[in-house]
């Protein structure tokens, strides 16, 4: 039996807007096995961002259950969720979330130092990852001195250095041109081939096709799932 990294059952989430109640997620069942590369595909307002926030332990569900790497997230207190976010999940955002005054190495090792890792071993881990991602000659550069594709690779390196259970990518090619976007997606395929578990949020079917599997979300409900042929 395959090991499940994500297991959601009957997940519901709503928000109050004035006196109105907006049901955003409606009885969502969603699983991701260890080593899978899954895309969550949906248009604006479909509920995909809310689903991502719950997966990333950045928001809480109203009802149902959610386990991440066998941790019952729906029963976990906020203080512990902070630790889980830091340890279990590597976040990759559309707009990179890099600190502009830090160079590449400083941006990558910052989360490691915050976790209490010593600087020498953090820098060693950083060098191993940037070598793989083709950034070894950019360690002393600041984000403003990098292309969009390079900035996203720095964000990926930062996520990988923590050796997370799950890589969670929010529209990772949304701010990139077509060529840079394809380079980032090829990198995700490489990381998937190395055994990483990846969940990618996107509104673009052409981006979603790079994943092993696409889960469609419409009006807060999982509508269908598609397994893709491999893209090289």
C-alpha atoms as a PDB file:
ATOM      1  CA  UNK A   1       0.000   0.000   0.000  1.00  0.00           C
ATOM      2  CA  UNK A   2       1.339   3.422  -0.995  1.00  0.00           C
ATOM      3  CA  UNK A   3       2.186   5.906   1.735  1.00  0.00           C
ATOM      4  CA  UNK A   4      -0.120   8.931   1.783  1.00  0.00           C
ATOM      5  CA  UNK A   5       1.453  12.323   2.447  1.00  0.00           C
ATOM      6  CA  UNK A   6      -1.872  14.198   2.195  1.00  0.00           C
ATOM      7  CA  UNK A   7      -5.237  12.764   3.228  1.00  0.00           C
ATOM      8  CA  UNK A   8      -8.317  15.018   3.256  1.00  0.00           C
ATOM      9  CA  UNK A   9     -11.838  13.781   3.896  1.00  0.00           C
ATOM     10  CA  UNK A  10     -15.040  15.823   3.726  1.00  0.00           C
ATOM     11  CA  UNK A  11     -13.161  19.108   4.139  1.00  0.00           C
ATOM     12  CA  UNK A  12     -15.414  22.176   4.294  1.00  0.00           C
ATOM     13  CA  UNK A  13     -14.408  25.822   4.582  1.00  0.00           C
ATOM     14  CA  UNK A  14     -16.548  28.955   4.563  1.00  0.00           C
ATOM     15  CA  UNK A  15     -16.029  32.669   5.193  1.00  0.00           C
ATOM     16  CA  UNK A  16     -18.396  35.334   6.455  1.00  0.00           C
ATOM     17  CA  UNK A  17     -18.743  38.404   4.262  1.00  0.00           C
ATOM     18  CA  UNK A  18     -20.963  40.819   6.148  1.00  0.00           C
ATOM     19  CA  UNK A  19     -24.075  38.847   6.971  1.00  0.00           C
ATOM     20  CA  UNK A  20     -23.510  36.390   4.122  1.00  0.00           C
ATOM     21  CA  UNK A  21     -21.800  33.009   4.422  1.00  0.00           C
ATOM     22  CA  UNK A  22     -19.615  32.020   1.467  1.00  0.00           C
ATOM     23  CA  UNK A  23     -19.019  28.281   1.160  1.00  0.00           C
ATOM     24  CA  UNK A  24     -15.582  27.994  -0.464  1.00  0.00           C
ATOM     25  CA  UNK A  25     -14.771  24.281  -0.050  1.00  0.00           C
ATOM     26  CA  UNK A  26     -17.548  21.698  -0.062  1.00  0.00           C
ATOM     27  CA  UNK A  27     -16.841  18.165   1.192  1.00  0.00           C
ATOM     28  CA  UNK A  28     -13.447  17.928  -0.492  1.00  0.00           C
ATOM     29  CA  UNK A  29     -11.761  14.513  -0.566  1.00  0.00           C
ATOM     30  CA  UNK A  30      -8.142  14.722  -1.709  1.00  0.00           C
ATOM     31  CA  UNK A  31      -5.103  12.469  -1.346  1.00  0.00           C
ATOM     32  CA  UNK A  32      -1.485  12.659  -2.476  1.00  0.00           C
ATOM     33  CA  UNK A  33       0.862   9.695  -2.201  1.00  0.00           C
ATOM     34  CA  UNK A  34       4.532   9.961  -1.349  1.00  0.00           C
ATOM     35  CA  UNK A  35       6.577  10.856  -4.434  1.00  0.00           C
ATOM     36  CA  UNK A  36       3.631  12.096  -6.516  1.00  0.00           C
ATOM     37  CA  UNK A  37       3.631  15.301  -8.584  1.00  0.00           C
ATOM     38  CA  UNK A  38       0.046  16.622  -8.473  1.00  0.00           C
ATOM     39  CA  UNK A  39      -1.404  19.795  -9.959  1.00  0.00           C
ATOM     40  CA  UNK A  40      -4.529  21.445  -8.531  1.00  0.00           C
ATOM     41  CA  UNK A  41      -6.168  23.204 -11.457  1.00  0.00           C
ATOM     42  CA  UNK A  42      -8.970  25.757 -11.262  1.00  0.00           C
ATOM     43  CA  UNK A  43     -10.016  29.233 -12.368  1.00  0.00           C
ATOM     44  CA  UNK A  44     -10.087  32.292 -10.121  1.00  0.00           C
ATOM     45  CA  UNK A  45     -12.691  31.833  -7.389  1.00  0.00           C
ATOM     46  CA  UNK A  46     -12.733  28.037  -7.680  1.00  0.00           C
ATOM     47  CA  UNK A  47     -11.399  27.445  -4.153  1.00  0.00           C
ATOM     48  CA  UNK A  48      -7.904  26.335  -5.159  1.00  0.00           C
ATOM     49  CA  UNK A  49      -6.146  29.044  -3.124  1.00  0.00           C
ATOM     50  CA  UNK A  50      -8.171  28.153  -0.025  1.00  0.00           C
ATOM     51  CA  UNK A  51      -7.349  24.487  -0.560  1.00  0.00           C
ATOM     52  CA  UNK A  52      -3.669  25.407  -0.889  1.00  0.00           C
ATOM     53  CA  UNK A  53      -3.788  27.435   2.336  1.00  0.00           C
ATOM     54  CA  UNK A  54      -5.267  24.481   4.203  1.00  0.00           C
ATOM     55  CA  UNK A  55      -2.717  22.067   2.717  1.00  0.00           C
ATOM     56  CA  UNK A  56       0.021  24.499   3.770  1.00  0.00           C
ATOM     57  CA  UNK A  57      -1.369  24.812   7.319  1.00  0.00           C
ATOM     58  CA  UNK A  58      -1.891  28.556   6.743  1.00  0.00           C
ATOM     59  CA  UNK A  59      -5.659  28.289   7.270  1.00  0.00           C
ATOM     60  CA  UNK A  60      -7.904  25.958   9.221  1.00  0.00           C
ATOM     61  CA  UNK A  61     -10.814  23.874   8.016  1.00  0.00           C
ATOM     62  CA  UNK A  62     -14.351  24.177   9.413  1.00  0.00           C
ATOM     63  CA  UNK A  63     -15.140  20.464   9.315  1.00  0.00           C
ATOM     64  CA  UNK A  64     -13.744  17.217   7.993  1.00  0.00           C
ATOM     65  CA  UNK A  65     -10.234  15.870   8.524  1.00  0.00           C
ATOM     66  CA  UNK A  66      -6.765  16.560   7.141  1.00  0.00           C
ATOM     67  CA  UNK A  67      -3.608  14.562   7.808  1.00  0.00           C
ATOM     68  CA  UNK A  68      -0.171  15.603   6.553  1.00  0.00           C
ATOM     69  CA  UNK A  69       2.511  12.936   6.791  1.00  0.00           C
ATOM     70  CA  UNK A  70       0.281  11.151   9.363  1.00  0.00           C
ATOM     71  CA  UNK A  71      -0.057  14.308  11.492  1.00  0.00           C
ATOM     72  CA  UNK A  72      -3.756  15.116  12.197  1.00  0.00           C
ATOM     73  CA  UNK A  73      -3.645  18.789  11.175  1.00  0.00           C
ATOM     74  CA  UNK A  74      -7.346  19.324  11.948  1.00  0.00           C
ATOM     75  CA  UNK A  75      -6.602  18.530  15.606  1.00  0.00           C
ATOM     76  CA  UNK A  76      -3.369  20.539  15.868  1.00  0.00           C
ATOM     77  CA  UNK A  77      -2.948  23.841  17.736  1.00  0.00           C
ATOM     78  CA  UNK A  78      -1.558  26.962  16.042  1.00  0.00           C
ATOM     79  CA  UNK A  79       1.782  26.881  17.886  1.00  0.00           C
ATOM     80  CA  UNK A  80       2.449  23.369  16.627  1.00  0.00           C
ATOM     81  CA  UNK A  81       1.258  24.311  13.107  1.00  0.00           C
ATOM     82  CA  UNK A  82       4.078  26.880  12.926  1.00  0.00           C
ATOM     83  CA  UNK A  83       6.593  24.098  13.545  1.00  0.00           C
ATOM     84  CA  UNK A  84       4.895  21.829  10.999  1.00  0.00           C
ATOM     85  CA  UNK A  85       4.914  24.562   8.327  1.00  0.00           C
ATOM     86  CA  UNK A  86       8.622  25.074   8.909  1.00  0.00           C
ATOM     87  CA  UNK A  87       9.592  21.405   9.015  1.00  0.00           C
ATOM     88  CA  UNK A  88       7.187  19.548   6.725  1.00  0.00           C
ATOM     89  CA  UNK A  89       6.457  22.007   3.888  1.00  0.00           C
ATOM     90  CA  UNK A  90       8.691  23.787   1.386  1.00  0.00           C
ATOM     91  CA  UNK A  91       6.782  26.772  -0.020  1.00  0.00           C
ATOM     92  CA  UNK A  92       7.399  28.114  -3.537  1.00  0.00           C
ATOM     93  CA  UNK A  93       5.456  31.277  -4.375  1.00  0.00           C
ATOM     94  CA  UNK A  94       4.643  33.042  -7.633  1.00  0.00           C
ATOM     95  CA  UNK A  95       6.461  36.213  -6.560  1.00  0.00           C
ATOM     96  CA  UNK A  96       9.416  34.380  -4.974  1.00  0.00           C
ATOM     97  CA  UNK A  97       9.200  36.089  -1.519  1.00  0.00           C
ATOM     98  CA  UNK A  98      12.951  36.773  -1.479  1.00  0.00           C
ATOM     99  CA  UNK A  99      14.447  39.425   0.810  1.00  0.00           C
ATOM    100  CA  UNK A 100      15.825  42.098  -1.563  1.00  0.00           C
ATOM    101  CA  UNK A 101      18.703  43.180   0.712  1.00  0.00           C
ATOM    102  CA  UNK A 102      19.957  39.575   1.154  1.00  0.00           C
ATOM    103  CA  UNK A 103      22.107  37.759  -1.378  1.00  0.00           C
ATOM    104  CA  UNK A 104      21.213  34.319  -2.732  1.00  0.00           C
ATOM    105  CA  UNK A 105      22.947  32.351   0.016  1.00  0.00           C
ATOM    106  CA  UNK A 106      21.463  34.511   2.778  1.00  0.00           C
ATOM    107  CA  UNK A 107      17.954  34.056   1.352  1.00  0.00           C
ATOM    108  CA  UNK A 108      18.386  30.282   1.146  1.00  0.00           C
ATOM    109  CA  UNK A 109      19.903  29.647   4.581  1.00  0.00           C
ATOM    110  CA  UNK A 110      17.693  32.046   6.546  1.00  0.00           C
ATOM    111  CA  UNK A 111      14.967  29.412   7.320  1.00  0.00           C
ATOM    112  CA  UNK A 112      17.672  26.938   8.360  1.00  0.00           C
ATOM    113  CA  UNK A 113      19.229  29.423  10.788  1.00  0.00           C
ATOM    114  CA  UNK A 114      15.774  30.218  12.184  1.00  0.00           C
ATOM    115  CA  UNK A 115      15.357  26.489  12.917  1.00  0.00           C
ATOM    116  CA  UNK A 116      18.589  26.533  14.923  1.00  0.00           C
ATOM    117  CA  UNK A 117      20.943  24.971  12.377  1.00  0.00           C
ATOM    118  CA  UNK A 118      24.510  26.269  12.635  1.00  0.00           C
ATOM    119  CA  UNK A 119      25.708  28.552   9.832  1.00  0.00           C
ATOM    120  CA  UNK A 120      28.506  26.272   8.624  1.00  0.00           C
ATOM    121  CA  UNK A 121      26.249  23.267   7.997  1.00  0.00           C
ATOM    122  CA  UNK A 122      23.493  25.533   6.580  1.00  0.00           C
ATOM    123  CA  UNK A 123      25.946  26.975   4.049  1.00  0.00           C
ATOM    124  CA  UNK A 124      27.112  23.448   3.167  1.00  0.00           C
ATOM    125  CA  UNK A 125      23.500  22.337   2.546  1.00  0.00           C
ATOM    126  CA  UNK A 126      22.921  25.479   0.497  1.00  0.00           C
ATOM    127  CA  UNK A 127      25.942  24.833  -1.741  1.00  0.00           C
ATOM    128  CA  UNK A 128      24.793  21.272  -2.438  1.00  0.00           C
ATOM    129  CA  UNK A 129      21.363  22.434  -3.572  1.00  0.00           C
ATOM    130  CA  UNK A 130      22.477  25.450  -5.645  1.00  0.00           C
ATOM    131  CA  UNK A 131      24.994  23.253  -7.455  1.00  0.00           C
ATOM    132  CA  UNK A 132      22.149  20.991  -8.564  1.00  0.00           C
ATOM    133  CA  UNK A 133      20.007  23.985  -9.601  1.00  0.00           C
ATOM    134  CA  UNK A 134      22.747  25.760 -11.560  1.00  0.00           C
ATOM    135  CA  UNK A 135      23.095  28.703  -9.185  1.00  0.00           C
ATOM    136  CA  UNK A 136      26.570  28.099  -7.796  1.00  0.00           C
ATOM    137  CA  UNK A 137      27.950  31.229  -9.499  1.00  0.00           C
ATOM    138  CA  UNK A 138      25.118  33.421  -8.177  1.00  0.00           C
ATOM    139  CA  UNK A 139      25.507  32.938  -4.414  1.00  0.00           C
ATOM    140  CA  UNK A 140      26.670  36.513  -3.761  1.00  0.00           C
ATOM    141  CA  UNK A 141      24.119  38.130  -6.086  1.00  0.00           C
ATOM    142  CA  UNK A 142      21.044  39.913  -4.759  1.00  0.00           C
ATOM    143  CA  UNK A 143      17.561  39.228  -6.211  1.00  0.00           C
ATOM    144  CA  UNK A 144      17.633  42.437  -8.283  1.00  0.00           C
ATOM    145  CA  UNK A 145      20.691  41.059 -10.113  1.00  0.00           C
ATOM    146  CA  UNK A 146      18.903  37.872 -11.177  1.00  0.00           C
ATOM    147  CA  UNK A 147      16.424  37.007 -13.921  1.00  0.00           C
ATOM    148  CA  UNK A 148      12.894  35.906 -13.005  1.00  0.00           C
ATOM    149  CA  UNK A 149      13.771  32.279 -13.675  1.00  0.00           C
ATOM    150  CA  UNK A 150      16.860  32.513 -11.480  1.00  0.00           C
ATOM    151  CA  UNK A 151      14.831  34.077  -8.656  1.00  0.00           C
ATOM    152  CA  UNK A 152      12.374  31.221  -8.803  1.00  0.00           C
ATOM    153  CA  UNK A 153      15.245  28.717  -8.681  1.00  0.00           C
ATOM    154  CA  UNK A 154      16.505  30.490  -5.550  1.00  0.00           C
ATOM    155  CA  UNK A 155      13.025  30.102  -4.037  1.00  0.00           C
ATOM    156  CA  UNK A 156      13.052  26.407  -4.962  1.00  0.00           C
ATOM    157  CA  UNK A 157      16.524  26.014  -3.427  1.00  0.00           C
ATOM    158  CA  UNK A 158      15.314  27.654  -0.222  1.00  0.00           C
ATOM    159  CA  UNK A 159      12.390  25.204  -0.074  1.00  0.00           C
ATOM    160  CA  UNK A 160      14.588  22.171  -0.809  1.00  0.00           C
ATOM    161  CA  UNK A 161      17.268  22.993   1.767  1.00  0.00           C
ATOM    162  CA  UNK A 162      14.855  22.267   4.604  1.00  0.00           C
ATOM    163  CA  UNK A 163      14.368  18.717   3.222  1.00  0.00           C
ATOM    164  CA  UNK A 164      10.563  19.016   3.508  1.00  0.00           C
ATOM    165  CA  UNK A 165       8.027  16.228   3.240  1.00  0.00           C
ATOM    166  CA  UNK A 166       6.073  18.262   0.671  1.00  0.00           C
ATOM    167  CA  UNK A 167       6.936  20.945  -1.885  1.00  0.00           C
ATOM    168  CA  UNK A 168       3.926  23.260  -2.253  1.00  0.00           C
ATOM    169  CA  UNK A 169       4.112  25.561  -5.284  1.00  0.00           C
ATOM    170  CA  UNK A 170       1.626  28.397  -5.831  1.00  0.00           C
ATOM    171  CA  UNK A 171       1.470  29.435  -9.520  1.00  0.00           C
ATOM    172  CA  UNK A 172       5.272  28.949  -9.760  1.00  0.00           C
ATOM    173  CA  UNK A 173       5.470  30.097 -13.405  1.00  0.00           C
ATOM    174  CA  UNK A 174       2.889  32.900 -13.130  1.00  0.00           C
ATOM    175  CA  UNK A 175       5.467  35.721 -13.123  1.00  0.00           C
ATOM    176  CA  UNK A 176       7.742  34.183 -15.770  1.00  0.00           C
ATOM    177  CA  UNK A 177       7.984  34.324 -19.544  1.00  0.00           C
ATOM    178  CA  UNK A 178       7.282  31.128 -21.480  1.00  0.00           C
ATOM    179  CA  UNK A 179      10.909  29.993 -21.758  1.00  0.00           C
ATOM    180  CA  UNK A 180      11.746  30.625 -18.088  1.00  0.00           C
ATOM    181  CA  UNK A 181       8.476  28.969 -17.064  1.00  0.00           C
ATOM    182  CA  UNK A 182       9.333  25.847 -19.062  1.00  0.00           C
ATOM    183  CA  UNK A 183      12.783  25.726 -17.406  1.00  0.00           C
ATOM    184  CA  UNK A 184      11.175  25.838 -13.953  1.00  0.00           C
ATOM    185  CA  UNK A 185       8.699  23.104 -14.903  1.00  0.00           C
ATOM    186  CA  UNK A 186      11.528  20.919 -16.205  1.00  0.00           C
ATOM    187  CA  UNK A 187      13.191  21.443 -12.848  1.00  0.00           C
ATOM    188  CA  UNK A 188      10.037  20.276 -11.072  1.00  0.00           C
ATOM    189  CA  UNK A 189      10.065  17.143 -13.255  1.00  0.00           C
ATOM    190  CA  UNK A 190      13.684  16.551 -12.231  1.00  0.00           C
ATOM    191  CA  UNK A 191      12.849  16.986  -8.538  1.00  0.00           C
ATOM    192  CA  UNK A 192       9.869  14.646  -8.934  1.00  0.00           C
ATOM    193  CA  UNK A 193      12.167  12.085 -10.547  1.00  0.00           C
ATOM    194  CA  UNK A 194      14.411  12.348  -7.468  1.00  0.00           C
ATOM    195  CA  UNK A 195      11.481  11.296  -5.269  1.00  0.00           C
ATOM    196  CA  UNK A 196      10.124  14.647  -4.072  1.00  0.00           C
ATOM    197  CA  UNK A 197       6.392  14.987  -3.398  1.00  0.00           C
ATOM    198  CA  UNK A 198       5.067  18.100  -5.172  1.00  0.00           C
ATOM    199  CA  UNK A 199       1.673  19.819  -5.167  1.00  0.00           C
ATOM    200  CA  UNK A 200       1.401  22.676  -7.664  1.00  0.00           C
ATOM    201  CA  UNK A 201      -1.468  25.176  -7.761  1.00  0.00           C
ATOM    202  CA  UNK A 202      -2.261  26.630 -11.198  1.00  0.00           C
ATOM    203  CA  UNK A 203      -5.010  28.085 -13.374  1.00  0.00           C
ATOM    204  CA  UNK A 204      -3.194  27.051 -16.579  1.00  0.00           C
ATOM    205  CA  UNK A 205      -3.904  23.652 -18.144  1.00  0.00           C
ATOM    206  CA  UNK A 206      -0.623  23.771 -20.096  1.00  0.00           C
ATOM    207  CA  UNK A 207       1.261  24.112 -16.802  1.00  0.00           C
ATOM    208  CA  UNK A 208      -0.832  21.431 -15.085  1.00  0.00           C
ATOM    209  CA  UNK A 209       0.039  18.918 -17.836  1.00  0.00           C
ATOM    210  CA  UNK A 210       3.619  18.809 -16.579  1.00  0.00           C
ATOM    211  CA  UNK A 211       2.389  17.105 -13.417  1.00  0.00           C
ATOM    212  CA  UNK A 212       1.834  13.384 -13.076  1.00  0.00           C
ATOM    213  CA  UNK A 213      -1.800  13.996 -12.167  1.00  0.00           C
ATOM    214  CA  UNK A 214      -4.218  16.938 -12.302  1.00  0.00           C
ATOM    215  CA  UNK A 215      -7.051  17.467  -9.841  1.00  0.00           C
ATOM    216  CA  UNK A 216      -9.707  19.891 -11.099  1.00  0.00           C
ATOM    217  CA  UNK A 217     -11.512  22.082  -8.590  1.00  0.00           C
ATOM    218  CA  UNK A 218     -14.654  23.985  -9.597  1.00  0.00           C
ATOM    219  CA  UNK A 219     -16.903  25.947  -7.220  1.00  0.00           C
ATOM    220  CA  UNK A 220     -15.197  24.422  -4.189  1.00  0.00           C
ATOM    221  CA  UNK A 221     -15.614  20.822  -5.286  1.00  0.00           C
ATOM    222  CA  UNK A 222     -13.176  18.303  -6.761  1.00  0.00           C
ATOM    223  CA  UNK A 223     -14.708  17.661 -10.158  1.00  0.00           C
ATOM    224  CA  UNK A 224     -12.328  15.233 -11.856  1.00  0.00           C
ATOM    225  CA  UNK A 225      -8.796  13.864 -11.878  1.00  0.00           C
ATOM    226  CA  UNK A 226      -6.567  13.276 -14.896  1.00  0.00           C
ATOM    227  CA  UNK A 227      -3.367  11.264 -15.202  1.00  0.00           C
ATOM    228  CA  UNK A 228      -1.011  12.732 -17.831  1.00  0.00           C
ATOM    229  CA  UNK A 229       1.440  11.237 -20.271  1.00  0.00           C
ATOM    230  CA  UNK A 230       5.022  12.148 -19.463  1.00  0.00           C
ATOM    231  CA  UNK A 231       6.449  15.435 -20.781  1.00  0.00           C
ATOM    232  CA  UNK A 232      10.210  15.469 -21.234  1.00  0.00           C
END
